[in-house]
PDB file of all heavy atoms in Angstrom:
ATOM      1  N   LYS A   1     -10.193  52.165 -64.054  1.00  0.00           N
ATOM      2  CA  LYS A   1     -10.793  52.633 -65.311  1.00  0.00           C
ATOM      3  C   LYS A   1      -9.743  52.729 -66.419  1.00  0.00           C
ATOM      4  O   LYS A   1     -10.021  52.404 -67.591  1.00  0.00           O
ATOM      5  CB  LYS A   1     -11.444  53.996 -65.084  1.00  0.00           C
ATOM      6  CG  LYS A   1     -12.119  54.593 -66.326  1.00  0.00           C
ATOM      7  CD  LYS A   1     -13.315  53.774 -66.764  1.00  0.00           C
ATOM      8  CE  LYS A   1     -14.073  54.481 -67.879  1.00  0.00           C
ATOM      9  NZ  LYS A   1     -15.188  53.661 -68.397  1.00  0.00           N
ATOM     10  N   LYS A   2      -8.527  53.137 -66.080  1.00  0.00           N
ATOM     11  CA  LYS A   2      -7.449  53.251 -67.066  1.00  0.00           C
ATOM     12  C   LYS A   2      -7.156  51.885 -67.691  1.00  0.00           C
ATOM     13  O   LYS A   2      -7.041  51.761 -68.916  1.00  0.00           O
ATOM     14  CB  LYS A   2      -6.197  53.809 -66.392  1.00  0.00           C
ATOM     15  CG  LYS A   2      -4.989  53.969 -67.319  1.00  0.00           C
ATOM     16  CD  LYS A   2      -3.847  54.642 -66.564  1.00  0.00           C
ATOM     17  CE  LYS A   2      -2.647  54.860 -67.488  1.00  0.00           C
ATOM     18  NZ  LYS A   2      -2.006  53.583 -67.898  1.00  0.00           N
ATOM     19  N   ILE A   3      -7.060  50.835 -66.856  1.00  0.00           N
ATOM     20  CA  ILE A   3      -6.789  49.488 -67.360  1.00  0.00           C
ATOM     21  C   ILE A   3      -7.977  48.971 -68.158  1.00  0.00           C
ATOM     22  O   ILE A   3      -7.816  48.316 -69.197  1.00  0.00           O
ATOM     23  CB  ILE A   3      -6.446  48.531 -66.205  1.00  0.00           C
ATOM     24  CG1 ILE A   3      -5.230  49.041 -65.424  1.00  0.00           C
ATOM     25  CG2 ILE A   3      -6.208  47.119 -66.719  1.00  0.00           C
ATOM     26  CD1 ILE A   3      -3.964  49.164 -66.255  1.00  0.00           C
ATOM     27  N   VAL A   4      -9.174  49.272 -67.692  1.00  0.00           N
ATOM     28  CA  VAL A   4     -10.384  48.862 -68.400  1.00  0.00           C
ATOM     29  C   VAL A   4     -10.396  49.447 -69.815  1.00  0.00           C
ATOM     30  O   VAL A   4     -10.666  48.750 -70.804  1.00  0.00           O
ATOM     31  CB  VAL A   4     -11.645  49.296 -67.622  1.00  0.00           C
ATOM     32  CG1 VAL A   4     -12.886  49.237 -68.502  1.00  0.00           C
ATOM     33  CG2 VAL A   4     -11.838  48.409 -66.400  1.00  0.00           C
ATOM     34  N   ASN A   5     -10.078  50.724 -69.925  1.00  0.00           N
ATOM     35  CA  ASN A   5     -10.088  51.383 -71.232  1.00  0.00           C
ATOM     36  C   ASN A   5      -8.977  50.851 -72.132  1.00  0.00           C
ATOM     37  O   ASN A   5      -9.192  50.607 -73.328  1.00  0.00           O
ATOM     38  CB  ASN A   5      -9.946  52.895 -71.064  1.00  0.00           C
ATOM     39  CG  ASN A   5     -11.182  53.536 -70.462  1.00  0.00           C
ATOM     40  OD1 ASN A   5     -12.263  52.948 -70.481  1.00  0.00           O
ATOM     41  ND2 ASN A   5     -11.037  54.726 -69.916  1.00  0.00           N
ATOM     42  N   GLU A   6      -7.792  50.668 -71.573  1.00  0.00           N
ATOM     43  CA  GLU A   6      -6.657  50.202 -72.372  1.00  0.00           C
ATOM     44  C   GLU A   6      -6.897  48.797 -72.926  1.00  0.00           C
ATOM     45  O   GLU A   6      -6.374  48.450 -73.992  1.00  0.00           O
ATOM     46  CB  GLU A   6      -5.377  50.209 -71.523  1.00  0.00           C
ATOM     47  CG  GLU A   6      -4.861  51.597 -71.205  1.00  0.00           C
ATOM     48  CD  GLU A   6      -3.660  51.580 -70.278  1.00  0.00           C
ATOM     49  OE1 GLU A   6      -3.325  50.488 -69.751  1.00  0.00           O
ATOM     50  OE2 GLU A   6      -3.062  52.650 -70.060  1.00  0.00           O
ATOM     51  N   ASN A   7      -7.676  47.999 -72.200  1.00  0.00           N
ATOM     52  CA  ASN A   7      -7.917  46.626 -72.624  1.00  0.00           C
ATOM     53  C   ASN A   7      -9.305  46.432 -73.240  1.00  0.00           C
ATOM     54  O   ASN A   7      -9.716  45.301 -73.474  1.00  0.00           O
ATOM     55  CB  ASN A   7      -7.721  45.677 -71.438  1.00  0.00           C
ATOM     56  CG  ASN A   7      -6.275  45.563 -71.020  1.00  0.00           C
ATOM     57  OD1 ASN A   7      -5.542  44.710 -71.502  1.00  0.00           O
ATOM     58  ND2 ASN A   7      -5.845  46.433 -70.115  1.00  0.00           N
ATOM     59  N   MET A   8      -9.975  47.539 -73.481  1.00  0.00           N
ATOM     60  CA  MET A   8     -11.293  47.527 -74.146  1.00  0.00           C
ATOM     61  C   MET A   8     -12.266  46.557 -73.466  1.00  0.00           C
ATOM     62  O   MET A   8     -12.940  45.758 -74.111  1.00  0.00           O
ATOM     63  CB  MET A   8     -11.133  47.194 -75.626  1.00  0.00           C
ATOM     64  CG  MET A   8     -10.360  48.258 -76.391  1.00  0.00           C
ATOM     65  SD  MET A   8     -10.166  47.895 -78.163  1.00  0.00           S
ATOM     66  CE  MET A   8      -8.989  46.550 -78.105  1.00  0.00           C
ATOM     67  N   ILE A   9     -12.291  46.625 -72.142  1.00  0.00           N
ATOM     68  CA  ILE A   9     -13.188  45.775 -71.360  1.00  0.00           C
ATOM     69  C   ILE A   9     -14.577  46.405 -71.328  1.00  0.00           C
ATOM     70  O   ILE A   9     -14.740  47.554 -70.899  1.00  0.00           O
ATOM     71  CB  ILE A   9     -12.651  45.595 -69.921  1.00  0.00           C
ATOM     72  CG1 ILE A   9     -11.316  44.856 -69.959  1.00  0.00           C
ATOM     73  CG2 ILE A   9     -13.655  44.857 -69.045  1.00  0.00           C
ATOM     74  CD1 ILE A   9     -10.603  44.786 -68.612  1.00  0.00           C
ATOM     75  N   GLU A  10     -15.565  45.664 -71.788  1.00  0.00           N
ATOM     76  CA  GLU A  10     -16.926  46.172 -71.837  1.00  0.00           C
ATOM     77  C   GLU A  10     -17.844  45.540 -70.801  1.00  0.00           C
ATOM     78  O   GLU A  10     -18.889  46.095 -70.465  1.00  0.00           O
ATOM     79  CB  GLU A  10     -17.514  45.940 -73.238  1.00  0.00           C
ATOM     80  CG  GLU A  10     -16.763  46.693 -74.332  1.00  0.00           C
ATOM     81  CD  GLU A  10     -17.369  46.459 -75.704  1.00  0.00           C
ATOM     82  OE1 GLU A  10     -18.289  45.617 -75.817  1.00  0.00           O
ATOM     83  OE2 GLU A  10     -16.924  47.112 -76.663  1.00  0.00           O
ATOM     84  N   SER A  11     -17.458  44.355 -70.303  1.00  0.00           N
ATOM     85  CA  SER A  11     -18.255  43.685 -69.267  1.00  0.00           C
ATOM     86  C   SER A  11     -17.321  43.133 -68.207  1.00  0.00           C
ATOM     87  O   SER A  11     -16.240  42.619 -68.514  1.00  0.00           O
ATOM     88  CB  SER A  11     -19.094  42.556 -69.871  1.00  0.00           C
ATOM     89  OG  SER A  11     -18.269  41.597 -70.508  1.00  0.00           O
ATOM     90  N   LEU A  12     -17.734  43.259 -66.973  1.00  0.00           N
ATOM     91  CA  LEU A  12     -16.875  42.882 -65.859  1.00  0.00           C
ATOM     92  C   LEU A  12     -17.665  42.042 -64.854  1.00  0.00           C
ATOM     93  O   LEU A  12     -18.736  42.451 -64.401  1.00  0.00           O
ATOM     94  CB  LEU A  12     -16.338  44.138 -65.169  1.00  0.00           C
ATOM     95  CG  LEU A  12     -15.068  44.027 -64.329  1.00  0.00           C
ATOM     96  CD1 LEU A  12     -13.904  43.507 -65.153  1.00  0.00           C
ATOM     97  CD2 LEU A  12     -14.723  45.385 -63.729  1.00  0.00           C
ATOM     98  N   GLY A  13     -17.162  40.876 -64.532  1.00  0.00           N
ATOM     99  CA  GLY A  13     -17.810  40.045 -63.523  1.00  0.00           C
ATOM    100  C   GLY A  13     -17.439  40.510 -62.126  1.00  0.00           C
ATOM    101  O   GLY A  13     -16.351  41.048 -61.905  1.00  0.00           O
ATOM    102  N   PHE A  14     -18.345  40.306 -61.183  1.00  0.00           N
ATOM    103  CA  PHE A  14     -18.062  40.665 -59.786  1.00  0.00           C
ATOM    104  C   PHE A  14     -18.646  39.602 -58.866  1.00  0.00           C
ATOM    105  O   PHE A  14     -19.468  38.782 -59.278  1.00  0.00           O
ATOM    106  CB  PHE A  14     -18.613  42.052 -59.442  1.00  0.00           C
ATOM    107  CG  PHE A  14     -20.115  42.122 -59.350  1.00  0.00           C
ATOM    108  CD1 PHE A  14     -20.763  42.062 -58.126  1.00  0.00           C
ATOM    109  CD2 PHE A  14     -20.886  42.254 -60.499  1.00  0.00           C
ATOM    110  CE1 PHE A  14     -22.149  42.114 -58.039  1.00  0.00           C
ATOM    111  CE2 PHE A  14     -22.275  42.319 -60.430  1.00  0.00           C
ATOM    112  CZ  PHE A  14     -22.908  42.248 -59.200  1.00  0.00           C
ATOM    113  N   GLU A  15     -18.205  39.603 -57.614  1.00  0.00           N
ATOM    114  CA  GLU A  15     -18.624  38.603 -56.623  1.00  0.00           C
ATOM    115  C   GLU A  15     -19.859  39.114 -55.891  1.00  0.00           C
ATOM    116  O   GLU A  15     -19.759  39.816 -54.887  1.00  0.00           O
ATOM    117  CB  GLU A  15     -17.490  38.341 -55.634  1.00  0.00           C
ATOM    118  CG  GLU A  15     -16.184  37.909 -56.272  1.00  0.00           C
ATOM    119  CD  GLU A  15     -15.000  38.257 -55.403  1.00  0.00           C
ATOM    120  OE1 GLU A  15     -14.522  39.413 -55.468  1.00  0.00           O
ATOM    121  OE2 GLU A  15     -14.549  37.378 -54.645  1.00  0.00           O
ATOM    122  N   GLU A  16     -21.016  38.730 -56.380  1.00  0.00           N
ATOM    123  CA  GLU A  16     -22.261  39.253 -55.812  1.00  0.00           C
ATOM    124  C   GLU A  16     -22.512  38.777 -54.394  1.00  0.00           C
ATOM    125  O   GLU A  16     -23.272  39.402 -53.643  1.00  0.00           O
ATOM    126  CB  GLU A  16     -23.455  38.901 -56.711  1.00  0.00           C
ATOM    127  CG  GLU A  16     -23.871  37.438 -56.704  1.00  0.00           C
ATOM    128  CD  GLU A  16     -23.104  36.593 -57.705  1.00  0.00           C
ATOM    129  OE1 GLU A  16     -22.060  37.056 -58.212  1.00  0.00           O
ATOM    130  OE2 GLU A  16     -23.543  35.458 -57.971  1.00  0.00           O
ATOM    131  N   ALA A  17     -21.896  37.655 -53.988  1.00  0.00           N
ATOM    132  CA  ALA A  17     -22.074  37.164 -52.621  1.00  0.00           C
ATOM    133  C   ALA A  17     -21.191  37.915 -51.629  1.00  0.00           C
ATOM    134  O   ALA A  17     -21.345  37.760 -50.415  1.00  0.00           O
ATOM    135  CB  ALA A  17     -21.752  35.664 -52.557  1.00  0.00           C
ATOM    136  N   VAL A  18     -20.284  38.737 -52.150  1.00  0.00           N
ATOM    137  CA  VAL A  18     -19.327  39.450 -51.301  1.00  0.00           C
ATOM    138  C   VAL A  18     -19.535  40.960 -51.374  1.00  0.00           C
ATOM    139  O   VAL A  18     -19.551  41.650 -50.360  1.00  0.00           O
ATOM    140  CB  VAL A  18     -17.876  39.108 -51.711  1.00  0.00           C
ATOM    141  CG1 VAL A  18     -16.875  39.913 -50.881  1.00  0.00           C
ATOM    142  CG2 VAL A  18     -17.621  37.619 -51.580  1.00  0.00           C
ATOM    143  N   MET A  19     -19.684  41.483 -52.586  1.00  0.00           N
ATOM    144  CA  MET A  19     -19.799  42.930 -52.769  1.00  0.00           C
ATOM    145  C   MET A  19     -21.177  43.420 -52.327  1.00  0.00           C
ATOM    146  O   MET A  19     -22.196  42.897 -52.778  1.00  0.00           O
ATOM    147  CB  MET A  19     -19.566  43.287 -54.238  1.00  0.00           C
ATOM    148  CG  MET A  19     -19.539  44.788 -54.503  1.00  0.00           C
ATOM    149  SD  MET A  19     -19.233  45.207 -56.240  1.00  0.00           S
ATOM    150  CE  MET A  19     -17.517  44.702 -56.428  1.00  0.00           C
ATOM    151  N   ASN A  20     -21.187  44.423 -51.443  1.00  0.00           N
ATOM    152  CA  ASN A  20     -22.478  44.962 -51.006  1.00  0.00           C
ATOM    153  C   ASN A  20     -23.042  45.931 -52.046  1.00  0.00           C
ATOM    154  O   ASN A  20     -22.364  46.308 -53.008  1.00  0.00           O
ATOM    155  CB  ASN A  20     -22.375  45.613 -49.628  1.00  0.00           C
ATOM    156  CG  ASN A  20     -21.392  46.775 -49.593  1.00  0.00           C
ATOM    157  OD1 ASN A  20     -21.314  47.560 -50.533  1.00  0.00           O
ATOM    158  ND2 ASN A  20     -20.649  46.888 -48.490  1.00  0.00           N
ATOM    159  N   VAL A  21     -24.273  46.316 -51.851  1.00  0.00           N
ATOM    160  CA  VAL A  21     -24.955  47.161 -52.832  1.00  0.00           C
ATOM    161  C   VAL A  21     -24.257  48.506 -52.980  1.00  0.00           C
ATOM    162  O   VAL A  21     -24.088  49.021 -54.098  1.00  0.00           O
ATOM    163  CB  VAL A  21     -26.438  47.362 -52.435  1.00  0.00           C
ATOM    164  CG1 VAL A  21     -27.113  48.360 -53.373  1.00  0.00           C
ATOM    165  CG2 VAL A  21     -27.186  46.036 -52.464  1.00  0.00           C
ATOM    166  N   ALA A  22     -23.810  49.081 -51.868  1.00  0.00           N
ATOM    167  CA  ALA A  22     -23.152  50.393 -51.922  1.00  0.00           C
ATOM    168  C   ALA A  22     -21.890  50.334 -52.773  1.00  0.00           C
ATOM    169  O   ALA A  22     -21.653  51.207 -53.624  1.00  0.00           O
ATOM    170  CB  ALA A  22     -22.830  50.872 -50.511  1.00  0.00           C
ATOM    171  N   ASP A  23     -21.065  49.303 -52.562  1.00  0.00           N
ATOM    172  CA  ASP A  23     -19.836  49.166 -53.349  1.00  0.00           C
ATOM    173  C   ASP A  23     -20.145  48.898 -54.817  1.00  0.00           C
ATOM    174  O   ASP A  23     -19.474  49.405 -55.710  1.00  0.00           O
ATOM    175  CB  ASP A  23     -18.963  48.039 -52.786  1.00  0.00           C
ATOM    176  CG  ASP A  23     -18.288  48.419 -51.486  1.00  0.00           C
ATOM    177  OD1 ASP A  23     -18.202  49.630 -51.203  1.00  0.00           O
ATOM    178  OD2 ASP A  23     -17.848  47.515 -50.754  1.00  0.00           O
ATOM    179  N   TYR A  24     -21.178  48.093 -55.062  1.00  0.00           N
ATOM    180  CA  TYR A  24     -21.571  47.819 -56.448  1.00  0.00           C
ATOM    181  C   TYR A  24     -21.951  49.110 -57.163  1.00  0.00           C
ATOM    182  O   TYR A  24     -21.529  49.357 -58.299  1.00  0.00           O
ATOM    183  CB  TYR A  24     -22.749  46.837 -56.484  1.00  0.00           C
ATOM    184  CG  TYR A  24     -23.399  46.753 -57.850  1.00  0.00           C
ATOM    185  CD1 TYR A  24     -22.838  45.977 -58.859  1.00  0.00           C
ATOM    186  CD2 TYR A  24     -24.556  47.483 -58.135  1.00  0.00           C
ATOM    187  CE1 TYR A  24     -23.416  45.924 -60.125  1.00  0.00           C
ATOM    188  CE2 TYR A  24     -25.136  47.431 -59.390  1.00  0.00           C
ATOM    189  CZ  TYR A  24     -24.572  46.651 -60.380  1.00  0.00           C
ATOM    190  OH  TYR A  24     -25.124  46.617 -61.625  1.00  0.00           O
ATOM    191  N   LEU A  25     -22.732  49.941 -56.501  1.00  0.00           N
ATOM    192  CA  LEU A  25     -23.171  51.190 -57.127  1.00  0.00           C
ATOM    193  C   LEU A  25     -21.984  52.107 -57.407  1.00  0.00           C
ATOM    194  O   LEU A  25     -21.929  52.771 -58.454  1.00  0.00           O
ATOM    195  CB  LEU A  25     -24.188  51.896 -56.219  1.00  0.00           C
ATOM    196  CG  LEU A  25     -25.535  51.181 -56.065  1.00  0.00           C
ATOM    197  CD1 LEU A  25     -26.398  51.890 -55.021  1.00  0.00           C
ATOM    198  CD2 LEU A  25     -26.270  51.097 -57.406  1.00  0.00           C
ATOM    199  N   VAL A  26     -21.022  52.129 -56.484  1.00  0.00           N
ATOM    200  CA  VAL A  26     -19.839  52.970 -56.680  1.00  0.00           C
ATOM    201  C   VAL A  26     -19.023  52.488 -57.875  1.00  0.00           C
ATOM    202  O   VAL A  26     -18.642  53.264 -58.752  1.00  0.00           O
ATOM    203  CB  VAL A  26     -18.967  52.988 -55.406  1.00  0.00           C
ATOM    204  CG1 VAL A  26     -17.622  53.638 -55.687  1.00  0.00           C
ATOM    205  CG2 VAL A  26     -19.679  53.745 -54.289  1.00  0.00           C
ATOM    206  N   TRP A  27     -18.745  51.168 -57.907  1.00  0.00           N
ATOM    207  CA  TRP A  27     -17.952  50.626 -59.011  1.00  0.00           C
ATOM    208  C   TRP A  27     -18.688  50.760 -60.340  1.00  0.00           C
ATOM    209  O   TRP A  27     -18.078  51.066 -61.373  1.00  0.00           O
ATOM    210  CB  TRP A  27     -17.610  49.162 -58.752  1.00  0.00           C
ATOM    211  CG  TRP A  27     -16.454  48.972 -57.808  1.00  0.00           C
ATOM    212  CD1 TRP A  27     -16.501  48.472 -56.538  1.00  0.00           C
ATOM    213  CD2 TRP A  27     -15.091  49.298 -58.067  1.00  0.00           C
ATOM    214  NE1 TRP A  27     -15.239  48.466 -55.976  1.00  0.00           N
ATOM    215  CE2 TRP A  27     -14.358  48.963 -56.894  1.00  0.00           C
ATOM    216  CE3 TRP A  27     -14.405  49.834 -59.152  1.00  0.00           C
ATOM    217  CZ2 TRP A  27     -12.985  49.152 -56.798  1.00  0.00           C
ATOM    218  CZ3 TRP A  27     -13.032  50.031 -59.062  1.00  0.00           C
ATOM    219  CH2 TRP A  27     -12.337  49.691 -57.905  1.00  0.00           C
ATOM    220  N   ASN A  28     -19.966  50.537 -60.324  1.00  0.00           N
ATOM    221  CA  ASN A  28     -20.752  50.645 -61.548  1.00  0.00           C
ATOM    222  C   ASN A  28     -20.693  52.068 -62.107  1.00  0.00           C
ATOM    223  O   ASN A  28     -20.595  52.278 -63.328  1.00  0.00           O
ATOM    224  CB  ASN A  28     -22.196  50.249 -61.267  1.00  0.00           C
ATOM    225  CG  ASN A  28     -22.999  50.031 -62.533  1.00  0.00           C
ATOM    226  OD1 ASN A  28     -22.578  49.314 -63.433  1.00  0.00           O
ATOM    227  ND2 ASN A  28     -24.153  50.660 -62.605  1.00  0.00           N
ATOM    228  N   ASP A  29     -20.717  53.035 -61.197  1.00  0.00           N
ATOM    229  CA  ASP A  29     -20.631  54.432 -61.611  1.00  0.00           C
ATOM    230  C   ASP A  29     -19.221  54.788 -62.085  1.00  0.00           C
ATOM    231  O   ASP A  29     -19.048  55.496 -63.081  1.00  0.00           O
ATOM    232  CB  ASP A  29     -21.045  55.333 -60.445  1.00  0.00           C
ATOM    233  CG  ASP A  29     -20.981  56.815 -60.811  1.00  0.00           C
ATOM    234  OD1 ASP A  29     -21.746  57.240 -61.687  1.00  0.00           O
ATOM    235  OD2 ASP A  29     -20.145  57.536 -60.220  1.00  0.00           O
ATOM    236  N   ARG A  30     -18.223  54.293 -61.387  1.00  0.00           N
ATOM    237  CA  ARG A  30     -16.826  54.611 -61.737  1.00  0.00           C
ATOM    238  C   ARG A  30     -16.434  54.046 -63.102  1.00  0.00           C
ATOM    239  O   ARG A  30     -15.766  54.711 -63.894  1.00  0.00           O
ATOM    240  CB  ARG A  30     -15.875  54.018 -60.685  1.00  0.00           C
ATOM    241  CG  ARG A  30     -15.838  54.726 -59.349  1.00  0.00           C
ATOM    242  CD  ARG A  30     -15.009  53.909 -58.375  1.00  0.00           C
ATOM    243  NE  ARG A  30     -14.807  54.579 -57.102  1.00  0.00           N
ATOM    244  CZ  ARG A  30     -14.215  54.010 -56.048  1.00  0.00           C
ATOM    245  NH1 ARG A  30     -13.769  52.764 -56.133  1.00  0.00           N
ATOM    246  NH2 ARG A  30     -14.051  54.686 -54.943  1.00  0.00           N
ATOM    247  N   LEU A  31     -16.840  52.823 -63.369  1.00  0.00           N
ATOM    248  CA  LEU A  31     -16.337  52.119 -64.542  1.00  0.00           C
ATOM    249  C   LEU A  31     -17.227  52.270 -65.768  1.00  0.00           C
ATOM    250  O   LEU A  31     -16.770  52.098 -66.896  1.00  0.00           O
ATOM    251  CB  LEU A  31     -16.151  50.632 -64.213  1.00  0.00           C
ATOM    252  CG  LEU A  31     -15.202  50.336 -63.045  1.00  0.00           C
ATOM    253  CD1 LEU A  31     -15.092  48.843 -62.816  1.00  0.00           C
ATOM    254  CD2 LEU A  31     -13.821  50.942 -63.311  1.00  0.00           C
ATOM    255  N   ASP A  32     -18.504  52.547 -65.565  1.00  0.00           N
ATOM    256  CA  ASP A  32     -19.433  52.787 -66.675  1.00  0.00           C
ATOM    257  C   ASP A  32     -19.377  51.668 -67.715  1.00  0.00           C
ATOM    258  O   ASP A  32     -19.116  51.894 -68.902  1.00  0.00           O
ATOM    259  CB  ASP A  32     -19.120  54.137 -67.322  1.00  0.00           C
ATOM    260  CG  ASP A  32     -20.195  54.551 -68.329  1.00  0.00           C
ATOM    261  OD1 ASP A  32     -21.352  54.117 -68.155  1.00  0.00           O
ATOM    262  OD2 ASP A  32     -19.865  55.272 -69.293  1.00  0.00           O
ATOM    263  N   LEU A  33     -19.596  50.451 -67.236  1.00  0.00           N
ATOM    264  CA  LEU A  33     -19.662  49.288 -68.113  1.00  0.00           C
ATOM    265  C   LEU A  33     -20.686  48.310 -67.562  1.00  0.00           C
ATOM    266  O   LEU A  33     -21.331  48.577 -66.556  1.00  0.00           O
ATOM    267  CB  LEU A  33     -18.284  48.624 -68.275  1.00  0.00           C
ATOM    268  CG  LEU A  33     -17.406  48.389 -67.031  1.00  0.00           C
ATOM    269  CD1 LEU A  33     -18.007  47.427 -66.053  1.00  0.00           C
ATOM    270  CD2 LEU A  33     -16.028  47.909 -67.466  1.00  0.00           C
ATOM    271  N   THR A  34     -20.852  47.186 -68.209  1.00  0.00           N
ATOM    272  CA  THR A  34     -21.813  46.189 -67.744  1.00  0.00           C
ATOM    273  C   THR A  34     -21.167  45.314 -66.680  1.00  0.00           C
ATOM    274  O   THR A  34     -20.132  44.684 -66.922  1.00  0.00           O
ATOM    275  CB  THR A  34     -22.285  45.299 -68.912  1.00  0.00           C
ATOM    276  OG1 THR A  34     -22.857  46.130 -69.912  1.00  0.00           O
ATOM    277  CG2 THR A  34     -23.316  44.288 -68.428  1.00  0.00           C
ATOM    278  N   MET A  35     -21.758  45.279 -65.485  1.00  0.00           N
ATOM    279  CA  MET A  35     -21.250  44.440 -64.401  1.00  0.00           C
ATOM    280  C   MET A  35     -22.186  43.241 -64.234  1.00  0.00           C
ATOM    281  O   MET A  35     -23.401  43.412 -64.112  1.00  0.00           O
ATOM    282  CB  MET A  35     -21.120  45.240 -63.111  1.00  0.00           C
ATOM    283  CG  MET A  35     -20.063  46.340 -63.201  1.00  0.00           C
ATOM    284  SD  MET A  35     -19.717  47.146 -61.621  1.00  0.00           S
ATOM    285  CE  MET A  35     -18.909  45.820 -60.715  1.00  0.00           C
ATOM    286  N   ILE A  36     -21.604  42.048 -64.250  1.00  0.00           N
ATOM    287  CA  ILE A  36     -22.386  40.817 -64.266  1.00  0.00           C
ATOM    288  C   ILE A  36     -22.003  39.941 -63.063  1.00  0.00           C
ATOM    289  O   ILE A  36     -20.811  39.719 -62.812  1.00  0.00           O
ATOM    290  CB  ILE A  36     -22.123  40.028 -65.565  1.00  0.00           C
ATOM    291  CG1 ILE A  36     -22.536  40.884 -66.773  1.00  0.00           C
ATOM    292  CG2 ILE A  36     -22.865  38.701 -65.563  1.00  0.00           C
ATOM    293  CD1 ILE A  36     -22.187  40.262 -68.104  1.00  0.00           C
ATOM    294  N   PRO A  37     -22.971  39.436 -62.301  1.00  0.00           N
ATOM    295  CA  PRO A  37     -22.661  38.542 -61.168  1.00  0.00           C
ATOM    296  C   PRO A  37     -21.924  37.286 -61.652  1.00  0.00           C
ATOM    297  O   PRO A  37     -22.395  36.603 -62.561  1.00  0.00           O
ATOM    298  CB  PRO A  37     -24.039  38.191 -60.605  1.00  0.00           C
ATOM    299  CG  PRO A  37     -24.938  39.291 -61.070  1.00  0.00           C
ATOM    300  CD  PRO A  37     -24.420  39.686 -62.413  1.00  0.00           C
ATOM    301  N   MET A  38     -20.770  36.995 -61.040  1.00  0.00           N
ATOM    302  CA  MET A  38     -19.972  35.840 -61.464  1.00  0.00           C
ATOM    303  C   MET A  38     -19.398  35.073 -60.273  1.00  0.00           C
ATOM    304  O   MET A  38     -18.336  34.455 -60.384  1.00  0.00           O
ATOM    305  CB  MET A  38     -18.840  36.293 -62.384  1.00  0.00           C
ATOM    306  CG  MET A  38     -19.297  36.762 -63.763  1.00  0.00           C
ATOM    307  SD  MET A  38     -20.055  35.455 -64.744  1.00  0.00           S
ATOM    308  CE  MET A  38     -18.611  34.463 -65.113  1.00  0.00           C
ATOM    309  N   GLN A  39     -20.093  35.113 -59.138  1.00  0.00           N
ATOM    310  CA  GLN A  39     -19.622  34.380 -57.963  1.00  0.00           C
ATOM    311  C   GLN A  39     -19.435  32.889 -58.276  1.00  0.00           C
ATOM    312  O   GLN A  39     -18.511  32.247 -57.784  1.00  0.00           O
ATOM    313  CB  GLN A  39     -20.616  34.534 -56.822  1.00  0.00           C
ATOM    314  CG  GLN A  39     -20.201  33.856 -55.517  1.00  0.00           C
ATOM    315  CD  GLN A  39     -19.078  34.589 -54.823  1.00  0.00           C
ATOM    316  OE1 GLN A  39     -19.079  35.814 -54.773  1.00  0.00           O
ATOM    317  NE2 GLN A  39     -18.105  33.863 -54.302  1.00  0.00           N
ATOM    318  N   LYS A  40     -20.316  32.343 -59.106  1.00  0.00           N
ATOM    319  CA  LYS A  40     -20.280  30.913 -59.403  1.00  0.00           C
ATOM    320  C   LYS A  40     -18.963  30.480 -60.031  1.00  0.00           C
ATOM    321  O   LYS A  40     -18.551  29.323 -59.878  1.00  0.00           O
ATOM    322  CB  LYS A  40     -21.444  30.535 -60.313  1.00  0.00           C
ATOM    323  CG  LYS A  40     -21.420  31.203 -61.674  1.00  0.00           C
ATOM    324  CD  LYS A  40     -22.630  30.816 -62.523  1.00  0.00           C
ATOM    325  CE  LYS A  40     -22.592  31.504 -63.893  1.00  0.00           C
ATOM    326  NZ  LYS A  40     -23.779  31.148 -64.706  1.00  0.00           N
ATOM    327  N   LEU A  41     -18.297  31.395 -60.737  1.00  0.00           N
ATOM    328  CA  LEU A  41     -17.022  31.044 -61.362  1.00  0.00           C
ATOM    329  C   LEU A  41     -16.011  30.634 -60.299  1.00  0.00           C
ATOM    330  O   LEU A  41     -15.345  29.599 -60.418  1.00  0.00           O
ATOM    331  CB  LEU A  41     -16.511  32.229 -62.187  1.00  0.00           C
ATOM    332  CG  LEU A  41     -15.215  32.026 -62.979  1.00  0.00           C
ATOM    333  CD1 LEU A  41     -15.249  32.879 -64.251  1.00  0.00           C
ATOM    334  CD2 LEU A  41     -13.984  32.415 -62.159  1.00  0.00           C
ATOM    335  N   PHE A  42     -15.880  31.455 -59.253  1.00  0.00           N
ATOM    336  CA  PHE A  42     -14.933  31.135 -58.188  1.00  0.00           C
ATOM    337  C   PHE A  42     -15.402  29.937 -57.359  1.00  0.00           C
ATOM    338  O   PHE A  42     -14.590  29.122 -56.924  1.00  0.00           O
ATOM    339  CB  PHE A  42     -14.709  32.346 -57.282  1.00  0.00           C
ATOM    340  CG  PHE A  42     -13.695  33.309 -57.825  1.00  0.00           C
ATOM    341  CD1 PHE A  42     -14.098  34.542 -58.307  1.00  0.00           C
ATOM    342  CD2 PHE A  42     -12.356  32.980 -57.874  1.00  0.00           C
ATOM    343  CE1 PHE A  42     -13.165  35.432 -58.816  1.00  0.00           C
ATOM    344  CE2 PHE A  42     -11.414  33.864 -58.385  1.00  0.00           C
ATOM    345  CZ  PHE A  42     -11.818  35.101 -58.858  1.00  0.00           C
ATOM    346  N   THR A  43     -16.704  29.837 -57.150  1.00  0.00           N
ATOM    347  CA  THR A  43     -17.234  28.693 -56.391  1.00  0.00           C
ATOM    348  C   THR A  43     -16.856  27.392 -57.073  1.00  0.00           C
ATOM    349  O   THR A  43     -16.390  26.444 -56.428  1.00  0.00           O
ATOM    350  CB  THR A  43     -18.763  28.790 -56.265  1.00  0.00           C
ATOM    351  OG1 THR A  43     -19.100  29.985 -55.555  1.00  0.00           O
ATOM    352  CG2 THR A  43     -19.326  27.590 -55.521  1.00  0.00           C
TER     353      THR A  43
END
């Protein structure tokens, strides 16, 4: 969260094919920003 705030990050991509729902909910709550599925980028 500290790095997110320092760099004014408002949207964050994540690996939806890897991250489970529980982890997604935790990160979404911790970071309080828009999380967008971006598995295709790495693929």
